[in-house]
N, C-alpha and C. Protein backbone atom coordinates (compact mmCIF):
# COMPACT_ATOMS: atom_id res chain seq x y z
N UNK A 1 5.52 36.15 19.56
CA UNK A 1 5.66 35.12 18.54
C UNK A 1 5.89 35.76 17.18
N UNK A 2 6.90 35.32 16.44
CA UNK A 2 7.18 35.86 15.15
C UNK A 2 6.18 35.36 14.13
N UNK A 3 6.08 36.07 13.00
CA UNK A 3 5.16 35.70 11.92
C UNK A 3 5.51 34.31 11.41
N UNK A 4 6.82 34.06 11.27
CA UNK A 4 7.26 32.76 10.76
C UNK A 4 6.83 31.65 11.70
N UNK A 5 7.02 31.86 13.01
CA UNK A 5 6.65 30.84 13.99
C UNK A 5 5.14 30.65 14.00
N UNK A 6 4.39 31.72 13.85
CA UNK A 6 2.94 31.62 13.81
C UNK A 6 2.48 30.79 12.60
N UNK A 7 3.09 31.01 11.46
CA UNK A 7 2.73 30.26 10.27
C UNK A 7 3.10 28.80 10.42
N UNK A 8 4.21 28.51 11.03
CA UNK A 8 4.63 27.13 11.25
C UNK A 8 3.65 26.43 12.19
N UNK A 9 3.19 27.15 13.21
CA UNK A 9 2.23 26.60 14.14
C UNK A 9 0.90 26.31 13.46
N UNK A 10 0.46 27.26 12.64
CA UNK A 10 -0.79 27.06 11.89
C UNK A 10 -0.71 25.85 10.98
N UNK A 11 0.45 25.72 10.30
CA UNK A 11 0.64 24.59 9.39
C UNK A 11 0.65 23.29 10.14
N UNK A 12 1.29 23.25 11.32
CA UNK A 12 1.31 22.04 12.14
C UNK A 12 -0.08 21.67 12.61
N UNK A 13 -0.83 22.65 13.04
CA UNK A 13 -2.19 22.40 13.52
C UNK A 13 -3.08 21.89 12.37
N UNK A 14 -2.88 22.43 11.21
CA UNK A 14 -3.66 21.99 10.05
C UNK A 14 -3.35 20.56 9.68
N UNK A 15 -2.07 20.18 9.75
CA UNK A 15 -1.67 18.81 9.45
C UNK A 15 -2.19 17.87 10.52
N UNK A 16 -2.20 18.28 11.77
CA UNK A 16 -2.74 17.44 12.83
C UNK A 16 -4.23 17.18 12.60
N UNK A 17 -4.96 18.22 12.20
CA UNK A 17 -6.39 18.07 11.94
C UNK A 17 -6.62 17.15 10.74
N UNK A 18 -5.79 17.31 9.73
CA UNK A 18 -5.92 16.44 8.56
C UNK A 18 -5.69 14.98 8.92
N UNK A 19 -4.69 14.73 9.76
CA UNK A 19 -4.41 13.36 10.15
C UNK A 19 -5.53 12.78 11.02
N UNK A 20 -6.12 13.65 11.87
CA UNK A 20 -7.24 13.20 12.71
C UNK A 20 -8.44 12.82 11.86
N UNK A 21 -8.69 13.59 10.83
CA UNK A 21 -9.81 13.27 9.92
C UNK A 21 -9.53 11.97 9.18
N UNK A 22 -8.28 11.79 8.76
CA UNK A 22 -7.90 10.54 8.09
C UNK A 22 -8.05 9.36 9.01
N UNK A 23 -7.71 9.53 10.27
CA UNK A 23 -7.87 8.46 11.27
C UNK A 23 -9.34 8.06 11.35
N UNK A 24 -10.21 9.04 11.42
CA UNK A 24 -11.64 8.76 11.53
C UNK A 24 -12.16 8.05 10.29
N UNK A 25 -11.73 8.53 9.12
CA UNK A 25 -12.15 7.90 7.87
C UNK A 25 -11.69 6.46 7.79
N UNK A 26 -10.49 6.20 8.28
CA UNK A 26 -9.95 4.83 8.25
C UNK A 26 -10.74 3.92 9.18
N UNK A 27 -11.14 4.41 10.32
CA UNK A 27 -11.94 3.63 11.24
C UNK A 27 -13.26 3.21 10.59
N UNK A 28 -13.89 4.15 9.89
CA UNK A 28 -15.15 3.87 9.20
C UNK A 28 -14.91 2.88 8.07
N UNK A 29 -13.81 3.08 7.34
CA UNK A 29 -13.50 2.22 6.21
C UNK A 29 -13.26 0.78 6.65
N UNK A 30 -12.55 0.62 7.74
CA UNK A 30 -12.28 -0.72 8.26
C UNK A 30 -13.55 -1.41 8.74
N UNK A 31 -14.46 -0.63 9.29
CA UNK A 31 -15.69 -1.21 9.84
C UNK A 31 -16.75 -1.44 8.76
N UNK A 32 -16.82 -0.53 7.75
CA UNK A 32 -17.95 -0.57 6.85
C UNK A 32 -17.55 -0.71 5.38
N UNK A 33 -16.25 -0.65 5.09
CA UNK A 33 -15.83 -0.73 3.69
C UNK A 33 -15.92 0.60 2.98
N UNK A 34 -15.55 0.60 1.71
CA UNK A 34 -15.50 1.84 0.93
C UNK A 34 -16.86 2.54 0.87
N UNK A 35 -17.92 1.77 0.72
CA UNK A 35 -19.25 2.35 0.61
C UNK A 35 -19.67 3.10 1.87
N UNK A 36 -19.06 2.75 3.01
CA UNK A 36 -19.42 3.40 4.26
C UNK A 36 -18.78 4.75 4.47
N UNK A 37 -17.77 5.05 3.64
CA UNK A 37 -17.05 6.32 3.78
C UNK A 37 -17.74 7.42 2.96
N UNK A 38 -18.11 8.46 3.61
CA UNK A 38 -18.70 9.62 2.96
C UNK A 38 -18.29 10.85 3.75
N UNK A 39 -18.23 11.99 3.11
CA UNK A 39 -17.84 13.22 3.80
C UNK A 39 -18.75 13.45 5.03
N UNK A 40 -20.03 13.24 4.83
CA UNK A 40 -20.98 13.49 5.93
C UNK A 40 -20.75 12.53 7.10
N UNK A 41 -20.54 11.25 6.80
CA UNK A 41 -20.35 10.27 7.88
C UNK A 41 -19.03 10.51 8.62
N UNK A 42 -18.01 10.90 7.89
CA UNK A 42 -16.73 11.21 8.55
C UNK A 42 -16.85 12.44 9.43
N UNK A 43 -17.55 13.46 8.92
CA UNK A 43 -17.74 14.68 9.69
C UNK A 43 -18.48 14.38 11.01
N UNK A 44 -19.52 13.57 10.91
CA UNK A 44 -20.31 13.25 12.10
C UNK A 44 -19.46 12.48 13.10
N UNK A 45 -18.69 11.48 12.64
CA UNK A 45 -17.87 10.69 13.52
C UNK A 45 -16.74 11.50 14.17
N UNK A 46 -16.26 12.48 13.42
CA UNK A 46 -15.13 13.31 13.93
C UNK A 46 -15.62 14.48 14.76
N UNK A 47 -16.94 14.68 14.79
CA UNK A 47 -17.47 15.82 15.56
C UNK A 47 -17.19 17.16 14.88
N UNK A 48 -17.16 17.14 13.55
CA UNK A 48 -16.89 18.36 12.81
C UNK A 48 -18.04 18.66 11.85
N UNK A 49 -18.06 19.87 11.34
CA UNK A 49 -19.04 20.21 10.32
C UNK A 49 -18.59 19.65 8.98
N UNK A 50 -19.54 19.46 8.08
CA UNK A 50 -19.19 18.99 6.74
C UNK A 50 -18.22 19.97 6.07
N UNK A 51 -18.49 21.26 6.27
CA UNK A 51 -17.63 22.26 5.69
C UNK A 51 -16.18 22.15 6.16
N UNK A 52 -16.00 21.76 7.41
CA UNK A 52 -14.64 21.61 7.95
C UNK A 52 -13.88 20.51 7.22
N UNK A 53 -14.57 19.43 6.89
CA UNK A 53 -13.93 18.34 6.14
C UNK A 53 -13.46 18.82 4.78
N UNK A 54 -14.33 19.63 4.11
CA UNK A 54 -13.99 20.11 2.78
C UNK A 54 -12.80 21.04 2.76
N UNK A 55 -12.43 21.59 3.90
CA UNK A 55 -11.23 22.43 3.97
C UNK A 55 -9.99 21.59 3.68
N UNK A 56 -10.05 20.29 4.03
CA UNK A 56 -8.90 19.41 3.91
C UNK A 56 -9.02 18.41 2.75
N UNK A 57 -10.24 18.00 2.46
CA UNK A 57 -10.45 17.00 1.39
C UNK A 57 -11.61 17.44 0.51
N UNK A 58 -11.37 17.47 -0.79
CA UNK A 58 -12.42 17.92 -1.70
C UNK A 58 -13.54 16.92 -1.85
N UNK A 59 -13.24 15.62 -1.65
CA UNK A 59 -14.24 14.61 -1.88
C UNK A 59 -13.82 13.30 -1.17
N UNK A 60 -14.69 12.31 -1.30
CA UNK A 60 -14.44 10.99 -0.70
C UNK A 60 -13.16 10.36 -1.24
N UNK A 61 -12.91 10.53 -2.54
CA UNK A 61 -11.75 9.91 -3.16
C UNK A 61 -10.46 10.42 -2.54
N UNK A 62 -10.39 11.70 -2.22
CA UNK A 62 -9.19 12.23 -1.59
C UNK A 62 -9.02 11.66 -0.18
N UNK A 63 -10.12 11.42 0.51
CA UNK A 63 -10.04 10.80 1.84
C UNK A 63 -9.45 9.39 1.74
N UNK A 64 -9.97 8.62 0.77
CA UNK A 64 -9.49 7.26 0.59
C UNK A 64 -8.01 7.25 0.17
N UNK A 65 -7.67 8.18 -0.68
CA UNK A 65 -6.27 8.24 -1.14
C UNK A 65 -5.34 8.61 0.03
N UNK A 66 -5.80 9.45 0.92
CA UNK A 66 -4.99 9.81 2.09
C UNK A 66 -4.69 8.60 2.93
N UNK A 67 -5.68 7.73 3.09
CA UNK A 67 -5.50 6.48 3.86
C UNK A 67 -4.52 5.56 3.13
N UNK A 68 -4.73 5.41 1.83
CA UNK A 68 -3.85 4.56 1.04
C UNK A 68 -2.42 5.01 1.10
N UNK A 69 -2.20 6.32 0.97
CA UNK A 69 -0.83 6.83 1.00
C UNK A 69 -0.14 6.52 2.32
N UNK A 70 -0.89 6.62 3.38
CA UNK A 70 -0.34 6.34 4.72
C UNK A 70 0.16 4.90 4.79
N UNK A 71 -0.61 3.94 4.27
CA UNK A 71 -0.22 2.53 4.37
C UNK A 71 0.88 2.20 3.36
N UNK A 72 0.85 2.83 2.17
CA UNK A 72 1.91 2.59 1.21
C UNK A 72 3.24 3.13 1.71
N UNK A 73 3.21 4.25 2.41
CA UNK A 73 4.44 4.81 2.98
C UNK A 73 5.04 3.84 4.01
N UNK A 74 4.19 3.22 4.78
CA UNK A 74 4.68 2.22 5.76
C UNK A 74 5.25 1.01 5.04
N UNK A 75 4.62 0.59 3.96
CA UNK A 75 5.13 -0.54 3.18
C UNK A 75 6.47 -0.20 2.56
N UNK A 76 6.59 0.99 2.03
CA UNK A 76 7.85 1.46 1.43
C UNK A 76 8.99 1.45 2.48
N UNK A 77 8.67 1.91 3.67
CA UNK A 77 9.67 1.93 4.75
C UNK A 77 10.09 0.51 5.11
N UNK A 78 9.15 -0.42 5.12
CA UNK A 78 9.48 -1.81 5.43
C UNK A 78 10.37 -2.40 4.34
N UNK A 79 10.05 -2.12 3.08
CA UNK A 79 10.86 -2.61 1.97
C UNK A 79 12.27 -2.04 2.00
N UNK A 80 12.37 -0.80 2.50
CA UNK A 80 13.70 -0.16 2.59
C UNK A 80 14.63 -1.00 3.49
N UNK A 81 14.07 -1.55 4.54
CA UNK A 81 14.86 -2.39 5.44
C UNK A 81 15.25 -3.69 4.75
N UNK A 82 14.38 -4.21 3.91
CA UNK A 82 14.63 -5.50 3.29
C UNK A 82 15.79 -5.47 2.30
N UNK A 83 16.05 -4.35 1.70
CA UNK A 83 17.15 -4.30 0.71
C UNK A 83 18.51 -4.39 1.41
N UNK A 84 18.52 -4.32 2.75
CA UNK A 84 19.77 -4.52 3.48
C UNK A 84 20.11 -6.01 3.59
N UNK A 85 19.12 -6.88 3.40
CA UNK A 85 19.32 -8.33 3.45
C UNK A 85 20.18 -8.78 2.29
N UNK A 86 21.27 -9.48 2.57
CA UNK A 86 22.20 -9.89 1.52
C UNK A 86 21.67 -11.04 0.67
N UNK A 87 20.88 -11.89 1.28
CA UNK A 87 20.31 -13.02 0.54
C UNK A 87 19.04 -12.56 -0.16
N UNK A 88 19.01 -12.47 -1.51
CA UNK A 88 17.86 -11.95 -2.22
C UNK A 88 16.58 -12.73 -1.98
N UNK A 89 16.70 -14.05 -1.87
CA UNK A 89 15.51 -14.87 -1.64
C UNK A 89 14.88 -14.53 -0.28
N UNK A 90 15.73 -14.40 0.73
CA UNK A 90 15.23 -14.03 2.06
C UNK A 90 14.60 -12.64 2.02
N UNK A 91 15.20 -11.76 1.21
CA UNK A 91 14.66 -10.40 1.08
C UNK A 91 13.26 -10.43 0.47
N UNK A 92 13.07 -11.21 -0.58
CA UNK A 92 11.77 -11.29 -1.23
C UNK A 92 10.73 -11.93 -0.31
N UNK A 93 11.15 -12.93 0.45
CA UNK A 93 10.21 -13.58 1.38
C UNK A 93 9.78 -12.59 2.47
N UNK A 94 10.75 -11.79 2.93
CA UNK A 94 10.43 -10.78 3.94
C UNK A 94 9.49 -9.73 3.37
N UNK A 95 9.71 -9.35 2.10
CA UNK A 95 8.84 -8.38 1.46
C UNK A 95 7.41 -8.94 1.36
N UNK A 96 7.31 -10.24 1.07
CA UNK A 96 5.99 -10.88 0.97
C UNK A 96 5.28 -10.81 2.31
N UNK A 97 6.02 -10.98 3.41
CA UNK A 97 5.43 -10.86 4.74
C UNK A 97 5.05 -9.41 5.05
N UNK A 98 5.85 -8.48 4.57
CA UNK A 98 5.49 -7.07 4.76
C UNK A 98 4.20 -6.74 4.02
N UNK A 99 4.07 -7.28 2.83
CA UNK A 99 2.86 -7.02 2.06
C UNK A 99 1.67 -7.72 2.72
N UNK A 100 1.90 -8.86 3.32
CA UNK A 100 0.85 -9.54 4.05
C UNK A 100 0.30 -8.64 5.17
N UNK A 101 1.22 -8.02 5.92
CA UNK A 101 0.81 -7.11 6.99
C UNK A 101 0.03 -5.93 6.40
N UNK A 102 0.52 -5.41 5.31
CA UNK A 102 -0.16 -4.29 4.63
C UNK A 102 -1.56 -4.70 4.22
N UNK A 103 -1.64 -5.89 3.65
CA UNK A 103 -2.95 -6.39 3.17
C UNK A 103 -3.93 -6.55 4.31
N UNK A 104 -3.48 -7.14 5.39
CA UNK A 104 -4.37 -7.34 6.54
C UNK A 104 -4.78 -6.01 7.19
N UNK A 105 -3.85 -5.08 7.23
CA UNK A 105 -4.16 -3.77 7.83
C UNK A 105 -5.13 -2.98 6.96
N UNK A 106 -4.98 -3.11 5.67
CA UNK A 106 -5.88 -2.41 4.77
C UNK A 106 -7.22 -3.16 4.64
N UNK A 107 -7.17 -4.46 4.92
CA UNK A 107 -8.40 -5.26 4.96
C UNK A 107 -9.31 -5.07 3.79
N UNK A 108 -10.47 -4.51 4.07
CA UNK A 108 -11.52 -4.38 3.04
C UNK A 108 -11.15 -3.45 1.93
N UNK A 109 -10.23 -2.52 2.18
CA UNK A 109 -9.94 -1.53 1.14
C UNK A 109 -8.65 -1.80 0.39
N UNK A 110 -8.15 -3.02 0.43
CA UNK A 110 -6.93 -3.31 -0.31
C UNK A 110 -7.08 -3.05 -1.79
N UNK A 111 -8.29 -3.15 -2.31
CA UNK A 111 -8.53 -2.92 -3.74
C UNK A 111 -8.55 -1.43 -4.07
N UNK A 112 -8.25 -0.60 -3.07
CA UNK A 112 -8.31 0.85 -3.31
C UNK A 112 -7.37 1.28 -4.43
N UNK A 113 -6.20 0.61 -4.59
CA UNK A 113 -5.29 0.99 -5.66
C UNK A 113 -5.97 0.87 -7.02
N UNK A 114 -6.66 -0.26 -7.23
CA UNK A 114 -7.41 -0.42 -8.46
C UNK A 114 -8.55 0.55 -8.55
N UNK A 115 -9.16 0.86 -7.42
CA UNK A 115 -10.29 1.78 -7.35
C UNK A 115 -9.90 3.13 -7.93
N UNK A 116 -8.73 3.63 -7.60
CA UNK A 116 -8.32 4.93 -8.07
C UNK A 116 -7.96 4.92 -9.56
N UNK A 117 -7.33 3.85 -10.00
CA UNK A 117 -6.87 3.83 -11.40
C UNK A 117 -7.99 3.48 -12.37
N UNK A 118 -9.05 2.84 -11.89
CA UNK A 118 -10.13 2.40 -12.76
C UNK A 118 -11.23 3.47 -12.92
N UNK A 119 -11.38 4.36 -11.95
CA UNK A 119 -12.47 5.30 -11.96
C UNK A 119 -11.98 6.67 -12.43
N UNK A 120 -11.76 6.80 -13.72
CA UNK A 120 -11.19 8.02 -14.27
C UNK A 120 -12.00 9.26 -13.99
N UNK A 121 -13.33 9.14 -14.04
CA UNK A 121 -14.18 10.31 -13.81
C UNK A 121 -14.03 10.88 -12.41
N UNK A 122 -13.69 10.01 -11.47
CA UNK A 122 -13.54 10.46 -10.09
C UNK A 122 -12.11 10.92 -9.81
N UNK A 123 -11.15 10.22 -10.38
CA UNK A 123 -9.75 10.58 -10.09
C UNK A 123 -9.39 11.93 -10.69
N UNK A 124 -10.13 12.36 -11.72
CA UNK A 124 -9.80 13.66 -12.31
C UNK A 124 -10.09 14.81 -11.35
N UNK A 125 -10.91 14.54 -10.34
CA UNK A 125 -11.24 15.56 -9.34
C UNK A 125 -10.32 15.51 -8.10
N UNK A 126 -9.36 14.60 -8.13
CA UNK A 126 -8.41 14.49 -7.02
C UNK A 126 -7.26 15.45 -7.22
N UNK A 127 -6.79 16.03 -6.15
CA UNK A 127 -5.63 16.93 -6.20
C UNK A 127 -4.49 16.22 -6.93
N UNK A 128 -3.98 16.80 -8.01
CA UNK A 128 -2.89 16.17 -8.77
C UNK A 128 -1.65 15.87 -7.92
N UNK A 129 -1.41 16.69 -6.91
CA UNK A 129 -0.27 16.44 -6.03
C UNK A 129 -0.41 15.12 -5.30
N UNK A 130 -1.64 14.75 -4.90
CA UNK A 130 -1.86 13.49 -4.23
C UNK A 130 -1.65 12.32 -5.16
N UNK A 131 -2.11 12.45 -6.41
CA UNK A 131 -1.91 11.40 -7.38
C UNK A 131 -0.44 11.24 -7.70
N UNK A 132 0.27 12.38 -7.74
CA UNK A 132 1.71 12.31 -8.00
C UNK A 132 2.43 11.63 -6.83
N UNK A 133 1.97 11.89 -5.60
CA UNK A 133 2.56 11.22 -4.45
C UNK A 133 2.32 9.73 -4.49
N UNK A 134 1.11 9.32 -4.92
CA UNK A 134 0.76 7.92 -5.06
C UNK A 134 1.71 7.25 -6.06
N UNK A 135 1.87 7.86 -7.22
CA UNK A 135 2.73 7.29 -8.26
C UNK A 135 4.19 7.20 -7.78
N UNK A 136 4.63 8.23 -7.06
CA UNK A 136 6.02 8.24 -6.56
C UNK A 136 6.23 7.12 -5.55
N UNK A 137 5.26 6.90 -4.68
CA UNK A 137 5.38 5.84 -3.69
C UNK A 137 5.43 4.47 -4.34
N UNK A 138 4.55 4.24 -5.28
CA UNK A 138 4.53 2.96 -5.98
C UNK A 138 5.83 2.73 -6.70
N UNK A 139 6.35 3.77 -7.35
CA UNK A 139 7.62 3.63 -8.05
C UNK A 139 8.78 3.34 -7.11
N UNK A 140 8.78 3.94 -5.93
CA UNK A 140 9.83 3.69 -4.96
C UNK A 140 9.76 2.26 -4.46
N UNK A 141 8.55 1.77 -4.23
CA UNK A 141 8.40 0.38 -3.80
C UNK A 141 8.91 -0.59 -4.86
N UNK A 142 8.56 -0.36 -6.09
CA UNK A 142 9.01 -1.25 -7.17
C UNK A 142 10.50 -1.12 -7.41
N UNK A 143 11.05 0.06 -7.20
CA UNK A 143 12.50 0.26 -7.40
C UNK A 143 13.29 -0.59 -6.40
N UNK A 144 12.77 -0.79 -5.21
CA UNK A 144 13.46 -1.61 -4.21
C UNK A 144 13.53 -3.06 -4.67
N UNK A 145 12.49 -3.51 -5.33
CA UNK A 145 12.51 -4.86 -5.89
C UNK A 145 13.60 -4.92 -6.99
N UNK A 146 13.67 -3.85 -7.78
CA UNK A 146 14.64 -3.81 -8.88
C UNK A 146 16.08 -3.83 -8.34
N UNK A 147 16.30 -3.17 -7.22
CA UNK A 147 17.66 -3.14 -6.64
C UNK A 147 18.13 -4.55 -6.26
N UNK A 148 17.20 -5.35 -5.78
CA UNK A 148 17.55 -6.72 -5.44
C UNK A 148 17.75 -7.58 -6.67
N UNK A 149 16.86 -7.41 -7.66
CA UNK A 149 16.97 -8.18 -8.88
C UNK A 149 18.26 -7.88 -9.66
N UNK A 150 18.79 -6.68 -9.49
CA UNK A 150 20.00 -6.27 -10.20
C UNK A 150 21.28 -6.85 -9.58
N UNK A 151 21.18 -7.53 -8.47
CA UNK A 151 22.35 -8.12 -7.85
C UNK A 151 22.88 -9.29 -8.70
N UNK A 152 24.19 -9.49 -8.74
CA UNK A 152 24.78 -10.61 -9.51
C UNK A 152 24.18 -11.95 -9.08
N UNK A 153 23.82 -12.13 -7.86
CA UNK A 153 23.31 -13.40 -7.37
C UNK A 153 21.98 -13.77 -8.03
N UNK A 154 21.30 -12.77 -8.60
CA UNK A 154 20.00 -13.02 -9.22
C UNK A 154 20.12 -13.43 -10.69
N UNK A 155 21.32 -13.31 -11.26
CA UNK A 155 21.51 -13.59 -12.70
C UNK A 155 21.05 -14.98 -13.10
N UNK A 156 21.38 -16.05 -12.34
CA UNK A 156 20.90 -17.37 -12.75
C UNK A 156 19.38 -17.49 -12.82
N UNK A 157 18.68 -16.87 -11.90
CA UNK A 157 17.23 -16.95 -11.92
C UNK A 157 16.64 -16.16 -13.11
N UNK A 158 17.25 -15.01 -13.37
CA UNK A 158 16.76 -14.17 -14.48
C UNK A 158 17.08 -14.80 -15.83
N UNK A 159 18.16 -15.58 -15.88
CA UNK A 159 18.50 -16.32 -17.11
C UNK A 159 18.52 -15.41 -18.33
N UNK A 160 19.21 -14.29 -18.21
CA UNK A 160 19.36 -13.37 -19.34
C UNK A 160 18.33 -12.27 -19.40
N UNK A 161 17.29 -12.38 -18.59
CA UNK A 161 16.24 -11.35 -18.57
C UNK A 161 16.74 -10.11 -17.86
N UNK A 162 16.42 -8.94 -18.43
CA UNK A 162 16.81 -7.70 -17.77
C UNK A 162 16.15 -7.62 -16.39
N UNK A 163 16.88 -7.18 -15.37
CA UNK A 163 16.32 -7.07 -14.02
C UNK A 163 14.99 -6.33 -13.98
N UNK A 164 14.88 -5.25 -14.77
CA UNK A 164 13.66 -4.44 -14.77
C UNK A 164 12.44 -5.26 -15.21
N UNK A 165 12.67 -6.25 -16.06
CA UNK A 165 11.54 -7.06 -16.54
C UNK A 165 11.11 -8.09 -15.49
N UNK A 166 11.97 -8.28 -14.50
CA UNK A 166 11.60 -9.19 -13.42
C UNK A 166 10.75 -8.55 -12.36
N UNK A 167 10.67 -7.21 -12.37
CA UNK A 167 9.91 -6.49 -11.36
C UNK A 167 8.45 -6.95 -11.28
N UNK A 168 7.72 -6.94 -12.42
CA UNK A 168 6.30 -7.34 -12.34
C UNK A 168 6.13 -8.80 -11.91
N UNK A 169 7.12 -9.65 -12.19
CA UNK A 169 7.02 -11.05 -11.79
C UNK A 169 7.10 -11.17 -10.29
N UNK A 170 8.08 -10.52 -9.67
CA UNK A 170 8.24 -10.58 -8.23
C UNK A 170 7.07 -9.87 -7.53
N UNK A 171 6.68 -8.71 -8.07
CA UNK A 171 5.56 -7.98 -7.47
C UNK A 171 4.28 -8.79 -7.54
N UNK A 172 4.08 -9.48 -8.64
CA UNK A 172 2.87 -10.34 -8.76
C UNK A 172 2.91 -11.47 -7.75
N UNK A 173 4.11 -12.01 -7.51
CA UNK A 173 4.22 -13.08 -6.51
C UNK A 173 3.93 -12.53 -5.12
N UNK A 174 4.54 -11.41 -4.79
CA UNK A 174 4.37 -10.82 -3.47
C UNK A 174 2.90 -10.49 -3.19
N UNK A 175 2.26 -9.84 -4.14
CA UNK A 175 0.87 -9.43 -3.94
C UNK A 175 -0.10 -10.59 -4.12
N UNK A 176 0.21 -11.46 -5.09
CA UNK A 176 -0.71 -12.54 -5.40
C UNK A 176 -0.85 -13.55 -4.29
N UNK A 177 0.25 -13.88 -3.64
CA UNK A 177 0.19 -14.88 -2.54
C UNK A 177 -0.74 -14.36 -1.45
N UNK A 178 -0.60 -13.10 -1.09
CA UNK A 178 -1.45 -12.52 -0.05
C UNK A 178 -2.91 -12.50 -0.48
N UNK A 179 -3.15 -12.04 -1.70
CA UNK A 179 -4.53 -11.87 -2.14
C UNK A 179 -5.23 -13.22 -2.33
N UNK A 180 -4.47 -14.25 -2.70
CA UNK A 180 -5.05 -15.58 -2.88
C UNK A 180 -5.36 -16.24 -1.56
N UNK A 181 -4.50 -16.08 -0.60
CA UNK A 181 -4.63 -16.86 0.65
C UNK A 181 -5.30 -16.12 1.79
N UNK A 182 -5.38 -14.78 1.70
CA UNK A 182 -5.88 -14.01 2.83
C UNK A 182 -7.25 -13.39 2.62
N UNK A 183 -7.68 -13.25 1.37
CA UNK A 183 -9.04 -12.72 1.14
C UNK A 183 -10.02 -13.71 1.73
N UNK A 184 -10.85 -13.26 2.65
CA UNK A 184 -11.67 -14.18 3.47
C UNK A 184 -12.48 -15.17 2.66
N UNK A 185 -13.17 -14.70 1.63
CA UNK A 185 -14.02 -15.60 0.87
C UNK A 185 -13.19 -16.64 0.15
N UNK A 186 -12.08 -16.22 -0.49
CA UNK A 186 -11.24 -17.13 -1.24
C UNK A 186 -10.56 -18.14 -0.32
N UNK A 187 -9.97 -17.62 0.74
CA UNK A 187 -9.16 -18.50 1.60
C UNK A 187 -10.03 -19.54 2.27
N UNK A 188 -11.25 -19.18 2.64
CA UNK A 188 -12.13 -20.13 3.31
C UNK A 188 -12.50 -21.29 2.38
N UNK A 189 -12.65 -20.99 1.10
CA UNK A 189 -13.06 -22.00 0.13
C UNK A 189 -11.87 -22.80 -0.40
N UNK A 190 -10.75 -22.15 -0.57
CA UNK A 190 -9.62 -22.80 -1.20
C UNK A 190 -8.77 -23.61 -0.25
N UNK A 191 -8.67 -23.16 0.98
CA UNK A 191 -7.80 -23.82 1.96
C UNK A 191 -6.33 -23.54 1.72
N UNK A 192 -6.01 -22.56 0.88
CA UNK A 192 -4.60 -22.21 0.62
C UNK A 192 -3.99 -21.57 1.87
N UNK A 193 -2.78 -21.97 2.16
CA UNK A 193 -2.04 -21.44 3.31
C UNK A 193 -0.99 -20.46 2.84
N UNK A 194 -0.91 -19.30 3.46
CA UNK A 194 0.02 -18.25 3.03
C UNK A 194 1.44 -18.76 2.98
N UNK A 195 1.91 -19.34 4.07
CA UNK A 195 3.31 -19.75 4.15
C UNK A 195 3.62 -20.83 3.10
N UNK A 196 2.72 -21.75 2.92
CA UNK A 196 2.95 -22.85 1.96
C UNK A 196 2.99 -22.31 0.54
N UNK A 197 2.02 -21.50 0.21
CA UNK A 197 2.00 -20.92 -1.17
C UNK A 197 3.20 -20.04 -1.42
N UNK A 198 3.60 -19.24 -0.43
CA UNK A 198 4.79 -18.42 -0.59
C UNK A 198 6.02 -19.28 -0.80
N UNK A 199 6.17 -20.32 0.01
CA UNK A 199 7.31 -21.20 -0.10
C UNK A 199 7.35 -21.88 -1.47
N UNK A 200 6.18 -22.31 -1.93
CA UNK A 200 6.11 -22.96 -3.24
C UNK A 200 6.46 -21.99 -4.36
N UNK A 201 5.99 -20.75 -4.25
CA UNK A 201 6.28 -19.74 -5.25
C UNK A 201 7.78 -19.46 -5.32
N UNK A 202 8.42 -19.36 -4.16
CA UNK A 202 9.88 -19.17 -4.11
C UNK A 202 10.59 -20.36 -4.74
N UNK A 203 10.09 -21.56 -4.45
CA UNK A 203 10.71 -22.76 -5.01
C UNK A 203 10.61 -22.79 -6.53
N UNK A 204 9.46 -22.44 -7.06
CA UNK A 204 9.27 -22.44 -8.51
C UNK A 204 10.17 -21.39 -9.17
N UNK A 205 10.32 -20.23 -8.56
CA UNK A 205 11.08 -19.16 -9.16
C UNK A 205 12.59 -19.35 -9.02
N UNK A 206 13.03 -19.94 -7.91
CA UNK A 206 14.45 -19.96 -7.61
C UNK A 206 15.03 -21.36 -7.44
N UNK A 207 14.16 -22.35 -7.26
CA UNK A 207 14.64 -23.68 -6.98
C UNK A 207 14.98 -23.88 -5.52
N UNK A 208 14.78 -22.83 -4.72
CA UNK A 208 15.03 -22.91 -3.30
C UNK A 208 13.69 -23.01 -2.54
N UNK A 209 13.77 -23.54 -1.34
CA UNK A 209 12.56 -23.73 -0.56
C UNK A 209 12.20 -25.20 -0.54
N UNK A 210 11.25 -25.52 0.27
CA UNK A 210 10.82 -26.90 0.44
C UNK A 210 9.70 -27.24 -0.54
N UNK A 211 9.91 -28.21 -1.40
CA UNK A 211 8.91 -28.56 -2.41
C UNK A 211 7.86 -29.50 -1.88
N UNK A 212 8.01 -29.97 -0.65
CA UNK A 212 7.02 -30.91 -0.13
C UNK A 212 5.76 -30.19 0.33
């Protein structure tokens, strides 16, 4: 075996171990929420020593960020397919459904994005490369919305507004519909239906959709 091949094998094995640890952390997160995730609990569930976890993740925040990056990458890939849709309204509705899937899969830890940006004292201890990857992913996701907004067909809805300024509006619609209708406590009390609220939001923004 050549030195190059040996190094490639070591790198592959290290990435496999990192992904296995992330899998274990995600299982705990889904079952117990953010407070249930700790280096010690992940090590125990994975059958590893605490020191072994620290080889891959400096702290709990890096573990959570690793999970978040995994799900955001899947969302970005889904949005990539949506920009092939010629009808912008259908594209945005499909994106809303993609985000719904993301929201349900992330379940209890959907607020993780806010968690990282709000806790400055903890994020300063996260590997800068991971934070850079997070920012890059979010920017790529938002850029796909921008690509659709920049189409000539969107000009009437924008009514003179620069496409870039429409990004937070569409993103708020996509995320807000899911968070309003799917968060267990809210949805049980409000009775809001995802499909109905999404359809109404599309109708308000574009004049399309069923207003009944």
